[in-house]
Amino acid sequence: MRSGIHNKMCWSRALFTAGVLLLVQLLCVEAVPISMDKTKVKEPEKSPEEPPASVDTGLHYDRYLREVIDFLEKDQHFREKLHNTDMEDIKQGKLAKELDFVSHHVRTKLDELKRQEVNRLRTLIKAKQDLEGGNDIAVDHQALLKQFEYLNHMNPHTFEVDDLDRLIRSATKDLENYDKEQHDEFKRYEMMKEHDRREHLKTLDEEERKKEEEHYEEMRKKHADHPKVNHPGSQNQLKEVWEEADGLDPEDFDPKTFFSLHDTNGDGYFDEQELEALFTKELEKIYDPTNEEDDMIEMEEERLRMREHVMNEVDSDKDRLVSLDEFLVATKKKEFLEPDSWETLEQNQAYTDEEMREFEEHLAQQEQDLNLRAFDLQKQRDDLEKQQEQLNAQKIELQQAVEHMERLKSQKVEPPPDVLVEGNAIPETHQLNQEMHREQGLQSQAHQPALQDTLQEHHQQLNQVPVQHEVPQTHQEMPPGIQDGAQGQL
């Protein structure tokens, strides 16, 4: 959990600083050249046609924003107006009105960029709908495009003054909210960490809990035992960078030369990224990624606090940049020469006891809601399983009925409707054959006694014939009546 939040917070901080750099390209692209110290090693000058380095603001419309800025910079009239317009006028939309005077080529390209962005958003809307399973539902792209405030959704074809005004306002507002969102996220992280620790203690017995508390206190003391942290932006802090990072004699410290050395992109300003790089030495005094007691998420919050503090003291025009003039003015103030001590995070708890209590109550309510939801889902699942069992039983009964009908159909040979025995049809011809066999059997049994009587009668007649008469040797010599009886016996 900790590593996930850490990556997210570092990501947010990097996006914010990069975003400010990008916005500055729009606001300060034609800054007045500032004389630089000759001790500074200058990098080879870039060709005017070379595009600026790509930086990602983290905004979902980052690419669109950068492409619009790049093409506006190519128009000479717009560049001149930008040079003569201050931050407040830009925020109020005065600069956007100058769009009507840019070249036709730039306006045509801006129209094309807007059409591409609208198509991209429509594709995203369609993809989201597909993921949510709404393929058969008609999509009102016009209504859904309304949620993207940085462009005029009512006119998806051409880039107008209102589009530039919306883009500037949206980017400025979104970038300004990054710091506050990061502070809020860090506070939630710290409260969750404490909540998890308390919940873990509840699972331990008395002896284990005592050991865990002792280990926790030991880690806190080890983390707090670090070298003194200089006040960010003070003379002492910058001199350490001058000596340890730049390898120069602290006695020869020169603010103007220091500024030139650490204005890494040579634009005459300290942006937020360049400013935060100056605090690396101070942060290394407090945090070591190899130490159990040091939390790297807290290090990023400390870095943000240092940068915000210096910006509040030095950035007099509130354009999120520190110019050389602003820096030199700040080096003459008492806060620079004799600063107060800097209180680190362990001396400033990120949340109050009341905020912690509300946070835990909120977690408890969330857990209760989740349990109720889980109970409802389980009940729905049980009901669905019962319905499925009923459907399966009905399916089996239907299948058996179909199979029974198929058997009946295969056994039928056009029987009369009334010839049925226990539901099974009996062919009529088969029944008639059985009846004929029974009648023949009865007739045969009835003829057998009569035949025997006839034979006995013949035998008696033969016994009454005189002895002197010889019995015929062949049946041809027998009387006709006896001949028939003998043939029947044979």
Protein backbone atom coordinates (compact mmCIF):
# COMPACT_ATOMS: atom_id res chain seq x y z
CA MET A 1 0.00 0.00 0.00
CA ARG A 2 2.76 2.41 0.98
CA SER A 3 4.70 1.98 -2.26
CA GLY A 4 1.54 2.52 -4.34
CA ILE A 5 0.71 5.80 -2.61
CA HIS A 6 4.36 6.83 -2.78
CA ASN A 7 4.49 6.35 -6.54
CA LYS A 8 1.22 8.22 -6.98
CA MET A 9 2.37 11.19 -4.90
CA CYS A 10 5.74 11.41 -6.64
CA TRP A 11 3.89 11.22 -9.95
CA SER A 12 1.59 14.07 -8.95
CA ARG A 13 4.48 16.26 -7.86
CA ALA A 14 6.41 15.65 -11.06
CA LEU A 15 3.34 16.41 -13.16
CA PHE A 16 2.73 19.64 -11.35
CA THR A 17 6.25 20.99 -11.76
CA ALA A 18 6.37 19.89 -15.39
CA GLY A 19 2.98 21.47 -15.99
CA VAL A 20 4.09 24.81 -14.66
CA LEU A 21 7.07 24.69 -17.00
CA LEU A 22 4.74 24.15 -19.92
CA LEU A 23 2.41 26.94 -18.90
CA VAL A 24 5.38 29.26 -18.60
CA GLN A 25 6.28 28.53 -22.18
CA LEU A 26 2.96 30.11 -23.08
CA LEU A 27 3.16 33.00 -20.64
CA CYS A 28 6.84 33.96 -20.77
CA VAL A 29 8.17 32.80 -24.08
CA GLU A 30 9.47 36.29 -24.96
CA ALA A 31 11.06 37.25 -21.65
CA VAL A 32 13.57 40.11 -21.76
CA PRO A 33 17.12 38.73 -21.94
CA ILE A 34 18.93 38.91 -18.62
CA SER A 35 22.64 39.53 -18.39
CA MET A 36 24.32 36.40 -17.12
CA ASP A 37 27.50 36.02 -15.14
CA LYS A 38 30.46 35.26 -17.33
CA THR A 39 31.48 32.43 -15.03
CA LYS A 40 28.51 30.43 -16.19
CA VAL A 41 29.31 27.74 -18.73
CA LYS A 42 26.84 28.33 -21.52
CA GLU A 43 25.34 25.47 -23.47
CA PRO A 44 25.30 25.66 -27.26
CA GLU A 45 22.41 27.80 -28.42
CA LYS A 46 19.56 25.96 -30.02
CA SER A 47 18.23 26.76 -33.45
CA PRO A 48 15.09 28.97 -33.34
CA GLU A 49 13.25 26.34 -35.35
CA GLU A 50 13.99 23.60 -32.84
CA PRO A 51 10.83 22.73 -30.87
CA PRO A 52 10.94 23.00 -27.08
CA ALA A 53 11.50 19.90 -25.01
CA SER A 54 8.34 17.90 -24.48
CA VAL A 55 7.04 17.99 -20.93
CA ASP A 56 4.01 16.17 -19.63
CA THR A 57 1.72 18.18 -17.38
CA GLY A 58 -0.26 15.13 -16.36
CA LEU A 59 -3.45 16.75 -17.64
CA HIS A 60 -5.64 14.48 -19.72
CA TYR A 61 -5.49 17.12 -22.46
CA ASP A 62 -1.71 17.56 -22.20
CA ARG A 63 -0.91 16.78 -25.82
CA TYR A 64 -3.61 19.11 -27.11
CA LEU A 65 -2.36 21.90 -24.82
CA ARG A 66 1.24 21.52 -25.93
CA GLU A 67 0.37 21.44 -29.64
CA VAL A 68 -1.75 24.59 -29.35
CA ILE A 69 1.08 26.38 -27.53
CA ASP A 70 3.66 25.29 -30.09
CA PHE A 71 1.67 26.70 -33.00
CA LEU A 72 0.76 29.93 -31.25
CA GLU A 73 4.45 30.55 -30.58
CA LYS A 74 5.07 30.47 -34.33
CA ASP A 75 2.92 33.56 -34.89
CA GLN A 76 4.94 36.77 -34.50
CA HIS A 77 1.95 38.96 -33.62
CA PHE A 78 0.82 36.63 -30.87
CA ARG A 79 4.35 36.41 -29.46
CA GLU A 80 4.58 40.20 -29.22
CA LYS A 81 1.22 40.47 -27.46
CA LEU A 82 2.22 37.72 -25.08
CA HIS A 83 5.37 39.64 -24.17
CA ASN A 84 3.32 42.72 -23.22
CA THR A 85 0.58 40.92 -21.28
CA ASP A 86 0.86 40.20 -17.57
CA MET A 87 -0.36 37.11 -15.75
CA GLU A 88 -3.65 38.57 -14.54
CA ASP A 89 -4.61 39.80 -18.00
CA ILE A 90 -3.88 36.36 -19.39
CA LYS A 91 -6.05 34.74 -16.74
CA GLN A 92 -8.85 37.20 -17.49
CA GLY A 93 -8.88 36.20 -21.15
CA LYS A 94 -7.39 39.35 -22.70
CA LEU A 95 -4.68 37.40 -24.46
CA ALA A 96 -7.19 35.01 -26.01
CA LYS A 97 -8.76 37.87 -27.95
CA GLU A 98 -5.53 38.28 -29.90
CA LEU A 99 -6.27 34.98 -31.61
CA ASP A 100 -8.30 36.85 -34.23
CA PHE A 101 -5.09 38.45 -35.50
CA VAL A 102 -2.89 35.40 -35.95
CA SER A 103 -2.01 34.14 -39.41
CA HIS A 104 -4.38 32.07 -41.49
CA HIS A 105 -1.94 29.16 -41.50
CA VAL A 106 -1.87 29.02 -37.69
CA ARG A 107 -5.67 29.28 -37.43
CA THR A 108 -6.07 26.47 -39.96
CA LYS A 109 -3.71 24.25 -37.98
CA LEU A 110 -5.52 25.07 -34.73
CA ASP A 111 -8.82 24.08 -36.35
CA GLU A 112 -7.31 20.75 -37.32
CA LEU A 113 -5.95 20.21 -33.79
CA LYS A 114 -9.37 20.86 -32.29
CA ARG A 115 -11.09 18.41 -34.63
CA GLN A 116 -8.51 15.77 -33.74
CA GLU A 117 -9.06 16.41 -30.02
CA VAL A 118 -12.84 16.16 -30.37
CA ASN A 119 -12.46 12.87 -32.23
CA ARG A 120 -10.11 11.61 -29.50
CA LEU A 121 -12.66 12.45 -26.82
CA ARG A 122 -15.42 10.75 -28.78
CA THR A 123 -13.25 7.64 -29.07
CA LEU A 124 -12.65 7.70 -25.31
CA ILE A 125 -16.38 8.06 -24.66
CA LYS A 126 -17.13 5.11 -26.97
CA ALA A 127 -14.42 2.99 -25.33
CA LYS A 128 -15.80 3.75 -21.89
CA GLN A 129 -19.28 2.81 -23.04
CA ASP A 130 -18.01 -0.50 -24.44
CA LEU A 131 -16.30 -1.32 -21.14
CA GLU A 132 -19.51 -0.61 -19.26
CA GLY A 133 -21.46 -2.93 -21.54
CA GLY A 134 -23.65 -0.34 -23.21
CA ASN A 135 -22.99 -1.22 -26.83
CA ASP A 136 -26.67 -1.08 -27.77
CA ILE A 137 -27.29 2.31 -26.19
CA ALA A 138 -27.15 5.40 -28.39
CA VAL A 139 -24.42 7.82 -27.30
CA ASP A 140 -25.09 11.54 -27.01
CA HIS A 141 -21.55 12.73 -27.73
CA GLN A 142 -22.59 16.37 -27.63
CA ALA A 143 -23.85 16.05 -24.07
CA LEU A 144 -20.85 14.03 -22.92
CA LEU A 145 -18.37 16.45 -24.47
CA LYS A 146 -19.80 19.13 -22.21
CA GLN A 147 -17.81 17.71 -19.28
CA PHE A 148 -14.53 18.71 -20.97
CA GLU A 149 -14.34 22.36 -20.04
CA TYR A 150 -11.12 23.16 -21.89
CA LEU A 151 -12.81 23.34 -25.30
CA ASN A 152 -16.05 24.64 -26.74
CA HIS A 153 -18.04 21.46 -27.43
CA MET A 154 -20.79 23.37 -29.24
CA ASN A 155 -18.37 24.05 -32.10
CA PRO A 156 -16.31 20.91 -32.74
CA HIS A 157 -14.85 22.11 -36.06
CA THR A 158 -12.97 25.40 -35.58
CA PHE A 159 -10.62 26.81 -32.95
CA GLU A 160 -12.00 30.15 -31.76
CA VAL A 161 -11.19 32.77 -29.12
CA ASP A 162 -13.39 30.97 -26.63
CA ASP A 163 -11.34 27.80 -27.08
CA LEU A 164 -8.07 29.52 -26.21
CA ASP A 165 -9.70 31.27 -23.26
CA ARG A 166 -11.11 27.96 -21.98
CA LEU A 167 -7.76 26.22 -22.48
CA ILE A 168 -5.81 28.86 -20.53
CA ARG A 169 -8.33 29.00 -17.69
CA SER A 170 -8.61 25.23 -17.37
CA ALA A 171 -4.84 24.61 -17.45
CA THR A 172 -4.17 27.37 -14.91
CA LYS A 173 -6.85 26.11 -12.53
CA ASP A 174 -5.89 22.46 -12.86
CA LEU A 175 -2.19 23.11 -12.33
CA GLU A 176 -2.79 25.35 -9.33
CA ASN A 177 -4.81 22.62 -7.64
CA TYR A 178 -1.98 20.09 -7.70
CA ASP A 179 -0.27 21.33 -4.54
CA LYS A 180 -3.45 21.34 -2.48
CA GLU A 181 -4.43 17.90 -3.72
CA GLN A 182 -1.02 16.54 -2.86
CA HIS A 183 -1.17 17.97 0.69
CA ASP A 184 -4.61 16.44 1.19
CA GLU A 185 -3.45 13.11 -0.15
CA PHE A 186 -0.43 13.11 2.14
CA LYS A 187 -2.63 13.87 5.15
CA ARG A 188 -4.87 10.92 4.30
CA TYR A 189 -1.81 8.74 3.89
CA GLU A 190 -0.46 9.69 7.32
CA MET A 191 -3.81 9.10 9.02
CA MET A 192 -4.21 5.74 7.30
CA LYS A 193 -0.74 4.74 8.38
CA GLU A 194 -1.57 5.59 12.00
CA HIS A 195 -4.93 3.83 11.74
CA ASP A 196 -3.29 0.65 10.44
CA ARG A 197 -0.76 0.78 13.28
CA ARG A 198 -3.51 1.04 15.88
CA GLU A 199 -5.49 -1.78 14.33
CA HIS A 200 -2.39 -3.96 14.29
CA LEU A 201 -1.82 -3.33 18.00
CA LYS A 202 -5.32 -4.60 18.74
CA THR A 203 -4.38 -8.00 17.34
CA LEU A 204 -1.40 -8.44 19.70
CA ASP A 205 -1.28 -9.67 23.26
CA GLU A 206 -0.01 -7.40 26.02
CA GLU A 207 3.64 -8.42 25.76
CA GLU A 208 3.77 -8.17 21.96
CA ARG A 209 1.96 -4.84 22.03
CA LYS A 210 4.50 -3.46 24.49
CA LYS A 211 7.39 -4.53 22.24
CA GLU A 212 5.70 -3.00 19.20
CA GLU A 213 5.20 0.34 20.97
CA GLU A 214 8.84 0.38 22.09
CA HIS A 215 10.00 -0.33 18.53
CA TYR A 216 7.76 2.44 17.20
CA GLU A 217 9.20 4.99 19.63
CA GLU A 218 12.72 3.86 18.82
CA MET A 219 12.13 4.45 15.09
CA ARG A 220 10.71 7.90 15.75
CA LYS A 221 13.76 8.91 17.77
CA LYS A 222 16.17 7.57 15.16
CA HIS A 223 14.40 9.52 12.41
CA ALA A 224 14.50 12.74 14.43
CA ASP A 225 18.22 12.30 15.12
CA HIS A 226 19.64 14.01 12.06
CA PRO A 227 21.90 17.01 11.29
CA LYS A 228 20.49 20.49 11.45
CA VAL A 229 18.30 21.38 8.49
CA ASN A 230 18.91 24.83 7.05
CA HIS A 231 16.02 27.15 6.32
CA PRO A 232 15.13 26.60 2.62
CA GLY A 233 16.29 29.46 0.42
CA SER A 234 18.47 30.99 3.13
CA GLN A 235 22.09 32.02 2.69
CA ASN A 236 23.33 29.06 4.75
CA GLN A 237 21.29 26.61 2.72
CA LEU A 238 22.46 27.97 -0.63
CA LYS A 239 26.07 28.14 0.54
CA GLU A 240 26.02 24.42 1.30
CA VAL A 241 24.88 23.76 -2.26
CA TRP A 242 27.56 26.15 -3.51
CA GLU A 243 30.23 24.26 -1.59
CA GLU A 244 29.12 20.61 -1.80
CA ALA A 245 27.34 20.47 -5.14
CA ASP A 246 29.23 23.14 -7.05
CA GLY A 247 32.62 22.56 -5.40
CA LEU A 248 33.22 26.28 -4.78
CA ASP A 249 34.57 28.14 -1.79
CA PRO A 250 31.72 29.29 0.49
CA GLU A 251 33.62 32.50 1.15
CA ASP A 252 33.26 33.38 -2.54
CA PHE A 253 29.50 32.89 -2.61
CA ASP A 254 27.85 35.17 -5.16
CA PRO A 255 24.03 35.13 -5.57
CA LYS A 256 24.13 36.13 -9.23
CA THR A 257 26.66 33.44 -10.12
CA PHE A 258 24.70 30.91 -8.04
CA PHE A 259 21.54 31.72 -9.99
CA SER A 260 23.34 31.29 -13.32
CA LEU A 261 24.79 27.94 -12.28
CA HIS A 262 21.42 26.48 -11.25
CA ASP A 263 19.24 27.95 -13.99
CA THR A 264 19.74 24.68 -15.82
CA ASN A 265 17.65 25.50 -18.90
CA GLY A 266 19.13 29.02 -19.19
CA ASP A 267 15.77 30.80 -19.50
CA GLY A 268 16.54 33.38 -16.79
CA TYR A 269 14.13 31.87 -14.25
CA PHE A 270 14.07 29.32 -11.46
CA ASP A 271 11.09 27.15 -12.20
CA GLU A 272 9.68 24.82 -9.55
CA GLN A 273 11.74 21.86 -10.71
CA GLU A 274 15.00 23.80 -10.61
CA LEU A 275 14.07 25.20 -7.22
CA GLU A 276 13.33 21.79 -5.71
CA ALA A 277 16.70 20.52 -6.91
CA LEU A 278 18.32 23.01 -4.53
CA PHE A 279 16.81 21.20 -1.51
CA THR A 280 18.27 17.78 -2.26
CA LYS A 281 21.16 18.21 0.18
CA GLU A 282 18.81 19.21 2.99
CA LEU A 283 16.49 16.28 2.35
CA GLU A 284 19.40 13.85 2.39
CA LYS A 285 20.09 14.90 5.96
CA ILE A 286 16.65 13.68 7.03
CA TYR A 287 15.82 10.78 4.74
CA ASP A 288 17.69 7.69 3.67
CA PRO A 289 15.82 5.07 1.61
CA THR A 290 17.85 2.30 3.27
CA ASN A 291 16.66 3.23 6.78
CA GLU A 292 13.54 1.60 8.20
CA GLU A 293 12.64 4.75 10.12
CA ASP A 294 12.63 7.03 7.04
CA ASP A 295 9.50 7.26 4.90
CA MET A 296 10.18 8.41 1.33
CA ILE A 297 6.61 9.64 0.94
CA GLU A 298 7.26 12.04 3.79
CA MET A 299 10.42 13.17 1.99
CA GLU A 300 8.37 14.24 -1.03
CA GLU A 301 5.98 16.15 1.21
CA GLU A 302 8.97 17.86 2.84
CA ARG A 303 10.30 18.81 -0.58
CA LEU A 304 6.93 20.33 -1.50
CA ARG A 305 6.81 22.31 1.75
CA MET A 306 10.28 23.73 1.10
CA ARG A 307 9.47 24.74 -2.44
CA GLU A 308 6.18 26.38 -1.47
CA HIS A 309 7.90 28.29 1.33
CA VAL A 310 10.56 29.74 -0.98
CA MET A 311 7.99 30.60 -3.64
CA ASN A 312 5.88 32.45 -1.09
CA GLU A 313 8.89 34.48 0.06
CA VAL A 314 10.59 35.14 -3.28
CA ASP A 315 8.02 34.94 -6.09
CA SER A 316 6.65 38.46 -5.74
CA ASP A 317 4.54 38.50 -8.94
CA LYS A 318 3.08 35.03 -8.22
CA ASP A 319 3.79 33.65 -11.67
CA ARG A 320 5.27 30.45 -10.21
CA LEU A 321 8.72 31.47 -11.40
CA VAL A 322 11.64 33.13 -9.64
CA SER A 323 13.36 35.63 -11.87
CA LEU A 324 16.94 36.78 -11.30
CA ASP A 325 15.66 40.14 -10.06
CA GLU A 326 13.33 38.48 -7.55
CA PHE A 327 16.14 36.22 -6.38
CA LEU A 328 18.60 39.09 -5.90
CA VAL A 329 16.02 41.09 -3.95
CA ALA A 330 15.37 38.13 -1.67
CA THR A 331 19.11 37.73 -0.88
CA LYS A 332 19.10 41.17 0.74
CA LYS A 333 16.27 40.42 3.17
CA LYS A 334 16.72 39.55 6.81
CA GLU A 335 14.99 36.20 6.27
CA PHE A 336 17.80 35.27 3.88
CA LEU A 337 20.66 36.40 6.10
CA GLU A 338 19.26 35.49 9.54
CA PRO A 339 16.50 32.96 9.01
CA ASP A 340 14.46 31.21 11.65
CA SER A 341 15.01 27.49 12.21
CA TRP A 342 13.17 25.17 9.88
CA GLU A 343 10.66 22.80 11.43
CA THR A 344 10.56 19.48 9.68
CA LEU A 345 7.55 17.18 9.34
CA GLU A 346 8.23 15.24 12.53
CA GLN A 347 7.82 18.55 14.36
CA ASN A 348 4.62 19.38 12.50
CA GLN A 349 2.06 16.60 12.54
CA ALA A 350 0.12 16.57 9.30
CA TYR A 351 -3.28 16.15 11.02
CA THR A 352 -5.04 17.09 14.23
CA ASP A 353 -6.59 14.72 16.75
CA GLU A 354 -10.02 15.85 15.63
CA GLU A 355 -9.19 15.11 11.97
CA MET A 356 -7.93 11.67 12.99
CA ARG A 357 -11.14 10.95 14.90
CA GLU A 358 -13.28 12.00 11.93
CA PHE A 359 -11.11 9.96 9.59
CA GLU A 360 -11.57 6.79 11.66
CA GLU A 361 -15.30 7.40 11.93
CA HIS A 362 -15.41 7.75 8.17
CA LEU A 363 -13.50 4.50 7.76
CA ALA A 364 -15.87 2.74 10.17
CA GLN A 365 -18.88 4.01 8.22
CA GLN A 366 -17.30 2.90 4.96
CA GLU A 367 -16.66 -0.55 6.41
CA GLN A 368 -20.26 -0.79 7.59
CA ASP A 369 -21.55 0.26 4.18
CA LEU A 370 -19.31 -2.29 2.50
CA ASN A 371 -20.52 -5.04 4.83
CA LEU A 372 -24.15 -4.17 4.09
CA ARG A 373 -23.39 -4.13 0.43
CA ALA A 374 -21.61 -7.49 0.70
CA PHE A 375 -24.62 -8.93 2.56
CA ASP A 376 -27.00 -7.69 -0.12
CA LEU A 377 -24.81 -9.10 -2.86
CA GLN A 378 -24.62 -12.47 -1.10
CA LYS A 379 -28.40 -12.55 -0.72
CA GLN A 380 -28.80 -11.72 -4.39
CA ARG A 381 -26.36 -14.48 -5.23
CA ASP A 382 -28.26 -17.03 -3.13
CA ASP A 383 -31.54 -16.02 -4.79
CA LEU A 384 -29.99 -16.35 -8.22
CA GLU A 385 -28.62 -19.78 -7.36
CA LYS A 386 -32.08 -20.94 -6.23
CA GLN A 387 -33.61 -19.61 -9.41
CA GLN A 388 -30.94 -21.41 -11.40
CA GLU A 389 -31.69 -24.68 -9.61
CA GLN A 390 -35.39 -24.30 -10.40
CA LEU A 391 -34.61 -23.58 -14.02
CA ASN A 392 -32.34 -26.63 -14.20
CA ALA A 393 -35.09 -28.86 -12.72
CA GLN A 394 -37.63 -27.50 -15.22
CA LYS A 395 -35.15 -28.07 -18.01
CA ILE A 396 -34.67 -31.72 -16.98
CA GLU A 397 -38.46 -32.30 -16.79
CA LEU A 398 -38.93 -30.75 -20.19
CA GLN A 399 -36.13 -32.86 -21.65
CA GLN A 400 -37.66 -36.06 -20.21
CA ALA A 401 -41.08 -35.16 -21.63
CA VAL A 402 -39.54 -34.57 -25.05
CA GLU A 403 -37.70 -37.92 -24.93
CA HIS A 404 -40.95 -39.73 -23.92
CA MET A 405 -42.81 -38.17 -26.82
CA GLU A 406 -40.03 -39.22 -29.20
CA ARG A 407 -40.27 -42.85 -27.99
CA LEU A 408 -44.05 -42.89 -28.48
CA LYS A 409 -43.65 -41.46 -31.91
CA SER A 410 -41.07 -44.09 -32.94
CA GLN A 411 -43.32 -47.01 -31.73
CA LYS A 412 -46.57 -45.97 -33.46
CA VAL A 413 -47.67 -47.65 -36.76
CA GLU A 414 -50.90 -45.79 -37.39
CA PRO A 415 -52.98 -47.58 -34.65
CA PRO A 416 -56.67 -46.79 -34.09
CA PRO A 417 -57.13 -44.28 -31.32
CA ASP A 418 -58.93 -46.73 -28.97
CA VAL A 419 -56.35 -49.59 -29.13
CA LEU A 420 -54.29 -48.71 -26.06
CA VAL A 421 -52.86 -50.78 -23.23
CA GLU A 422 -51.43 -48.75 -20.34
CA GLY A 423 -50.69 -45.87 -22.65
CA ASN A 424 -48.81 -47.97 -25.23
CA ALA A 425 -50.31 -48.54 -28.68
CA ILE A 426 -50.64 -52.18 -29.90
CA PRO A 427 -50.75 -52.76 -33.66
CA GLU A 428 -54.11 -54.23 -34.80
CA THR A 429 -52.57 -56.85 -37.09
CA HIS A 430 -50.51 -58.26 -34.26
CA GLN A 431 -53.67 -58.64 -32.11
CA LEU A 432 -55.59 -60.38 -34.92
CA ASN A 433 -52.75 -62.85 -35.46
CA GLN A 434 -52.75 -63.71 -31.78
CA GLU A 435 -56.53 -64.30 -31.83
CA MET A 436 -56.26 -66.56 -34.89
CA HIS A 437 -53.58 -68.68 -33.23
CA ARG A 438 -55.73 -69.07 -30.13
CA GLU A 439 -58.78 -70.19 -32.20
CA GLN A 440 -56.71 -72.72 -34.14
CA GLY A 441 -55.37 -74.17 -30.93
CA LEU A 442 -58.85 -74.56 -29.46
CA GLN A 443 -60.16 -76.22 -32.65
CA SER A 444 -57.27 -78.65 -32.66
CA GLN A 445 -57.93 -79.66 -29.05
CA ALA A 446 -61.67 -80.09 -29.76
CA HIS A 447 -61.02 -82.56 -32.72
CA GLN A 448 -58.67 -84.84 -30.84
CA PRO A 449 -61.36 -86.81 -28.73
CA ALA A 450 -63.59 -87.39 -31.78
CA LEU A 451 -60.68 -88.87 -33.68
CA GLN A 452 -59.82 -91.21 -30.83
CA ASP A 453 -63.47 -92.45 -30.63
CA THR A 454 -63.48 -93.19 -34.33
CA LEU A 455 -60.30 -95.22 -34.09
CA GLN A 456 -61.63 -97.26 -31.17
CA GLU A 457 -64.82 -98.01 -33.10
CA HIS A 458 -62.80 -99.26 -36.05
CA HIS A 459 -60.73 -101.49 -33.80
CA GLN A 460 -63.86 -103.05 -32.36
CA GLN A 461 -65.20 -103.82 -35.81
CA LEU A 462 -61.95 -105.45 -36.76
CA ASN A 463 -62.10 -107.74 -33.74
CA GLN A 464 -65.56 -108.99 -34.82
CA VAL A 465 -64.34 -110.21 -38.25
CA PRO A 466 -64.09 -114.13 -38.53
CA VAL A 467 -60.61 -115.60 -38.06
CA GLN A 468 -60.70 -117.43 -41.32
CA HIS A 469 -60.59 -114.19 -43.12
CA GLU A 470 -57.05 -112.87 -43.53
CA VAL A 471 -56.20 -109.26 -42.81
CA PRO A 472 -55.43 -107.37 -46.02
CA GLN A 473 -51.75 -106.65 -46.37
CA THR A 474 -52.22 -103.29 -47.95
CA HIS A 475 -54.46 -100.45 -47.41
CA GLN A 476 -55.87 -100.81 -50.85
CA GLU A 477 -57.57 -104.02 -49.68
CA MET A 478 -59.28 -102.41 -46.68
CA PRO A 479 -62.90 -101.36 -46.75
CA PRO A 480 -63.43 -97.79 -47.64
CA GLY A 481 -64.45 -96.68 -44.11
CA ILE A 482 -61.47 -98.38 -42.45
CA GLN A 483 -59.12 -97.15 -45.11
CA ASP A 484 -60.04 -93.59 -44.29
CA GLY A 485 -59.65 -94.15 -40.56
CA ALA A 486 -56.22 -95.70 -40.98
CA GLN A 487 -55.03 -92.92 -43.19
CA GLY A 488 -56.15 -90.51 -40.53
CA GLN A 489 -54.22 -92.46 -37.88
CA LEU A 490 -51.17 -92.62 -40.05
